Amino acid sequence: MSHLTESRTERIDIRTSSSVKKLLQQAAAASHKNVSEFLLEHGLQAAQDTLTNRKLFALNDEQWQAFQDALDAPCVEKPRLRRLLTEPSVFE
C-alpha cells in the first residue's frame, strides 16, 4: 500500500514563524494543494531521497570501472594494520 493511500491515523504538529507559514501556504496554493498535502508530499519525497542516498549509490561508466578495478586489485600488505588486528588490545 502506498504511503499516500494508507489510512491516516497519526498526526504531526510543527511550530513555525508566520513568514514560513505564509511561504508554505503560497507554495501549496501554487501546487493546487492545501498545506498538509504539500508538506506530506514533499516531506515523503525528501525522506525517500535521504534514505535512498544511504542505501544506493550510482556511478557513471568510468567510476564503475574504477570501483571494479579497486575490488579486483590484489591486497596490499599493511604490517601495522596486521599487528593492530592480531595483538591483544590494551583492554584485554
N, C-alpha and C. Protein backbone atom coordinates (compact mmCIF):
# COMPACT_ATOMS: atom_id res chain seq x y z
N MET A 1 0.85 -1.17 0.00
CA MET A 1 0.00 0.00 0.00
C MET A 1 0.89 1.24 0.00
N SER A 2 0.60 2.20 -0.82
CA SER A 2 1.37 3.43 -0.92
C SER A 2 1.25 4.25 0.36
N HIS A 3 2.32 4.97 0.67
CA HIS A 3 2.28 5.83 1.86
C HIS A 3 1.15 6.85 1.78
N LEU A 4 0.83 7.31 0.57
CA LEU A 4 -0.20 8.33 0.43
C LEU A 4 -1.62 7.76 0.48
N THR A 5 -1.77 6.44 0.30
CA THR A 5 -3.11 5.86 0.32
C THR A 5 -3.40 5.10 1.61
N GLU A 6 -2.42 4.95 2.47
CA GLU A 6 -2.66 4.29 3.76
C GLU A 6 -3.60 5.13 4.60
N SER A 7 -4.29 4.46 5.52
CA SER A 7 -5.19 5.17 6.43
C SER A 7 -4.38 6.15 7.28
N ARG A 8 -4.85 7.37 7.38
CA ARG A 8 -4.12 8.40 8.11
C ARG A 8 -4.65 8.48 9.54
N THR A 9 -3.93 7.85 10.43
CA THR A 9 -4.36 7.81 11.82
C THR A 9 -3.42 8.58 12.74
N GLU A 10 -2.26 8.99 12.24
CA GLU A 10 -1.27 9.68 13.06
C GLU A 10 -1.25 11.16 12.71
N ARG A 11 -0.82 11.95 13.68
CA ARG A 11 -0.78 13.40 13.50
C ARG A 11 0.64 13.89 13.77
N ILE A 12 1.09 14.87 12.99
CA ILE A 12 2.38 15.53 13.21
C ILE A 12 2.10 17.02 13.35
N ASP A 13 2.55 17.59 14.44
CA ASP A 13 2.36 19.02 14.68
C ASP A 13 3.73 19.69 14.62
N ILE A 14 3.78 20.83 13.96
CA ILE A 14 5.03 21.59 13.92
C ILE A 14 4.74 23.05 14.25
N ARG A 15 5.73 23.71 14.80
CA ARG A 15 5.62 25.14 15.09
C ARG A 15 6.57 25.86 14.15
N THR A 16 6.13 27.02 13.69
CA THR A 16 6.94 27.79 12.76
C THR A 16 6.64 29.27 12.90
N SER A 17 7.38 30.07 12.20
CA SER A 17 7.13 31.52 12.22
C SER A 17 6.02 31.84 11.22
N SER A 18 5.47 33.02 11.35
CA SER A 18 4.39 33.42 10.44
C SER A 18 4.90 33.56 9.01
N SER A 19 6.15 33.98 8.84
CA SER A 19 6.69 34.13 7.47
C SER A 19 6.87 32.77 6.80
N VAL A 20 7.30 31.77 7.56
CA VAL A 20 7.44 30.42 7.00
C VAL A 20 6.07 29.85 6.67
N LYS A 21 5.11 30.05 7.56
CA LYS A 21 3.75 29.56 7.30
C LYS A 21 3.19 30.18 6.03
N LYS A 22 3.39 31.48 5.87
CA LYS A 22 2.90 32.16 4.67
C LYS A 22 3.56 31.61 3.41
N LEU A 23 4.86 31.39 3.47
CA LEU A 23 5.57 30.83 2.32
C LEU A 23 5.04 29.44 1.97
N LEU A 24 4.83 28.61 2.98
CA LEU A 24 4.28 27.27 2.74
C LEU A 24 2.87 27.35 2.15
N GLN A 25 2.07 28.26 2.65
CA GLN A 25 0.72 28.43 2.11
C GLN A 25 0.76 28.86 0.64
N GLN A 26 1.66 29.76 0.31
CA GLN A 26 1.80 30.22 -1.07
C GLN A 26 2.25 29.07 -1.98
N ALA A 27 3.23 28.30 -1.51
CA ALA A 27 3.73 27.18 -2.31
C ALA A 27 2.65 26.12 -2.49
N ALA A 28 1.90 25.85 -1.43
CA ALA A 28 0.82 24.87 -1.51
C ALA A 28 -0.25 25.34 -2.50
N ALA A 29 -0.62 26.61 -2.41
CA ALA A 29 -1.63 27.15 -3.33
C ALA A 29 -1.15 27.08 -4.77
N ALA A 30 0.12 27.38 -5.00
CA ALA A 30 0.68 27.32 -6.36
C ALA A 30 0.68 25.89 -6.89
N SER A 31 0.71 24.91 -5.97
CA SER A 31 0.67 23.49 -6.35
C SER A 31 -0.74 22.92 -6.35
N HIS A 32 -1.73 23.77 -6.09
CA HIS A 32 -3.14 23.35 -6.02
C HIS A 32 -3.35 22.30 -4.94
N LYS A 33 -2.71 22.53 -3.80
CA LYS A 33 -2.83 21.62 -2.66
C LYS A 33 -3.04 22.46 -1.40
N ASN A 34 -3.52 21.80 -0.34
CA ASN A 34 -3.52 22.50 0.93
C ASN A 34 -2.15 22.30 1.59
N VAL A 35 -1.90 23.00 2.66
CA VAL A 35 -0.56 22.94 3.28
C VAL A 35 -0.23 21.52 3.75
N SER A 36 -1.19 20.83 4.32
CA SER A 36 -0.93 19.46 4.79
C SER A 36 -0.53 18.55 3.63
N GLU A 37 -1.27 18.61 2.54
CA GLU A 37 -0.94 17.78 1.37
C GLU A 37 0.44 18.13 0.82
N PHE A 38 0.72 19.44 0.75
CA PHE A 38 2.00 19.91 0.24
C PHE A 38 3.16 19.40 1.10
N LEU A 39 3.03 19.59 2.42
CA LEU A 39 4.09 19.15 3.33
C LEU A 39 4.26 17.64 3.32
N LEU A 40 3.17 16.91 3.30
CA LEU A 40 3.24 15.46 3.29
C LEU A 40 3.93 14.95 2.02
N GLU A 41 3.52 15.48 0.86
CA GLU A 41 4.10 15.04 -0.39
C GLU A 41 5.61 15.33 -0.44
N HIS A 42 5.97 16.56 -0.11
CA HIS A 42 7.38 16.95 -0.20
C HIS A 42 8.21 16.35 0.93
N GLY A 43 7.61 16.19 2.09
CA GLY A 43 8.31 15.54 3.20
C GLY A 43 8.61 14.08 2.90
N LEU A 44 7.63 13.38 2.31
CA LEU A 44 7.85 11.97 1.95
C LEU A 44 8.94 11.84 0.89
N GLN A 45 8.92 12.74 -0.09
CA GLN A 45 9.94 12.69 -1.14
C GLN A 45 11.33 12.92 -0.55
N ALA A 46 11.44 13.90 0.34
CA ALA A 46 12.73 14.18 0.97
C ALA A 46 13.19 13.00 1.83
N ALA A 47 12.26 12.37 2.54
CA ALA A 47 12.61 11.21 3.36
C ALA A 47 13.10 10.05 2.49
N GLN A 48 12.40 9.79 1.39
CA GLN A 48 12.82 8.71 0.49
C GLN A 48 14.17 9.01 -0.13
N ASP A 49 14.41 10.25 -0.54
CA ASP A 49 15.70 10.62 -1.11
C ASP A 49 16.82 10.45 -0.09
N THR A 50 16.57 10.88 1.13
CA THR A 50 17.57 10.76 2.19
C THR A 50 17.93 9.30 2.44
N LEU A 51 16.92 8.44 2.53
CA LEU A 51 17.18 7.04 2.81
C LEU A 51 17.77 6.32 1.60
N THR A 52 17.33 6.68 0.41
CA THR A 52 17.89 6.07 -0.80
C THR A 52 19.37 6.40 -0.91
N ASN A 53 19.74 7.63 -0.58
CA ASN A 53 21.14 8.02 -0.67
C ASN A 53 22.01 7.26 0.31
N ARG A 54 21.42 6.68 1.33
CA ARG A 54 22.19 5.88 2.28
C ARG A 54 22.27 4.41 1.85
N LYS A 55 21.39 3.98 0.96
CA LYS A 55 21.32 2.57 0.55
C LYS A 55 21.80 2.33 -0.86
N LEU A 56 21.79 3.34 -1.70
CA LEU A 56 22.04 3.18 -3.11
C LEU A 56 22.98 4.27 -3.59
N PHE A 57 23.96 3.91 -4.37
CA PHE A 57 24.77 4.94 -4.98
C PHE A 57 24.92 4.61 -6.45
N ALA A 58 24.98 5.64 -7.26
CA ALA A 58 25.05 5.47 -8.71
C ALA A 58 26.41 5.95 -9.21
N LEU A 59 26.96 5.20 -10.14
CA LEU A 59 28.26 5.53 -10.72
C LEU A 59 28.13 5.60 -12.23
N ASN A 60 28.88 6.53 -12.83
CA ASN A 60 28.94 6.52 -14.29
C ASN A 60 29.88 5.40 -14.73
N ASP A 61 30.03 5.19 -16.01
CA ASP A 61 30.84 4.07 -16.52
C ASP A 61 32.29 4.14 -16.03
N GLU A 62 32.86 5.32 -16.04
CA GLU A 62 34.26 5.48 -15.62
C GLU A 62 34.42 5.17 -14.12
N GLN A 63 33.50 5.69 -13.31
CA GLN A 63 33.54 5.43 -11.87
C GLN A 63 33.31 3.96 -11.57
N TRP A 64 32.39 3.33 -12.31
CA TRP A 64 32.11 1.90 -12.11
C TRP A 64 33.35 1.07 -12.40
N GLN A 65 34.06 1.41 -13.49
CA GLN A 65 35.27 0.66 -13.84
C GLN A 65 36.34 0.85 -12.77
N ALA A 66 36.50 2.06 -12.26
CA ALA A 66 37.48 2.31 -11.19
C ALA A 66 37.11 1.52 -9.94
N PHE A 67 35.82 1.44 -9.63
CA PHE A 67 35.35 0.66 -8.48
C PHE A 67 35.66 -0.82 -8.67
N GLN A 68 35.38 -1.34 -9.87
CA GLN A 68 35.67 -2.74 -10.17
C GLN A 68 37.17 -3.02 -10.11
N ASP A 69 37.96 -2.11 -10.64
CA ASP A 69 39.41 -2.27 -10.59
C ASP A 69 39.92 -2.32 -9.16
N ALA A 70 39.37 -1.47 -8.31
CA ALA A 70 39.78 -1.47 -6.91
C ALA A 70 39.41 -2.78 -6.23
N LEU A 71 38.23 -3.32 -6.55
CA LEU A 71 37.83 -4.60 -5.96
C LEU A 71 38.69 -5.75 -6.46
N ASP A 72 39.10 -5.68 -7.72
CA ASP A 72 39.89 -6.75 -8.33
C ASP A 72 41.38 -6.66 -8.02
N ALA A 73 41.84 -5.53 -7.53
CA ALA A 73 43.27 -5.34 -7.27
C ALA A 73 43.71 -6.27 -6.14
N PRO A 74 44.94 -6.76 -6.23
CA PRO A 74 45.45 -7.62 -5.14
C PRO A 74 45.56 -6.83 -3.84
N CYS A 75 45.46 -7.53 -2.75
CA CYS A 75 45.56 -6.90 -1.44
C CYS A 75 46.98 -6.36 -1.25
N VAL A 76 47.06 -5.24 -0.57
CA VAL A 76 48.35 -4.66 -0.23
C VAL A 76 48.63 -4.98 1.23
N GLU A 77 49.78 -5.57 1.48
CA GLU A 77 50.15 -5.92 2.85
C GLU A 77 50.36 -4.65 3.66
N LYS A 78 49.73 -4.61 4.80
CA LYS A 78 49.86 -3.47 5.72
C LYS A 78 50.28 -4.03 7.08
N PRO A 79 51.59 -4.11 7.31
CA PRO A 79 52.08 -4.73 8.55
C PRO A 79 51.55 -4.09 9.83
N ARG A 80 51.45 -2.76 9.85
CA ARG A 80 50.95 -2.11 11.07
C ARG A 80 49.50 -2.46 11.33
N LEU A 81 48.70 -2.57 10.27
CA LEU A 81 47.30 -2.96 10.44
C LEU A 81 47.21 -4.41 10.89
N ARG A 82 48.02 -5.28 10.31
CA ARG A 82 48.02 -6.69 10.73
C ARG A 82 48.37 -6.80 12.21
N ARG A 83 49.41 -6.05 12.64
CA ARG A 83 49.82 -6.09 14.04
C ARG A 83 48.69 -5.58 14.94
N LEU A 84 48.04 -4.49 14.54
CA LEU A 84 46.94 -3.94 15.31
C LEU A 84 45.82 -4.95 15.49
N LEU A 85 45.53 -5.70 14.46
CA LEU A 85 44.40 -6.63 14.50
C LEU A 85 44.76 -7.97 15.13
N THR A 86 46.04 -8.28 15.28
CA THR A 86 46.41 -9.59 15.82
C THR A 86 46.94 -9.53 17.24
N GLU A 87 47.45 -8.41 17.67
CA GLU A 87 47.97 -8.30 19.04
C GLU A 87 46.81 -8.02 20.00
N PRO A 88 46.95 -8.47 21.24
CA PRO A 88 45.91 -8.18 22.23
C PRO A 88 45.79 -6.66 22.45
N SER A 89 44.57 -6.21 22.68
CA SER A 89 44.37 -4.77 22.91
C SER A 89 44.74 -4.41 24.33
N VAL A 90 44.84 -3.13 24.60
CA VAL A 90 45.17 -2.69 25.95
C VAL A 90 44.05 -3.01 26.93
N PHE A 91 42.86 -3.33 26.44
CA PHE A 91 41.74 -3.65 27.30
C PHE A 91 41.65 -5.12 27.65
N GLU A 92 42.51 -5.92 27.02
CA GLU A 92 42.46 -7.37 27.28
C GLU A 92 43.39 -7.74 28.41
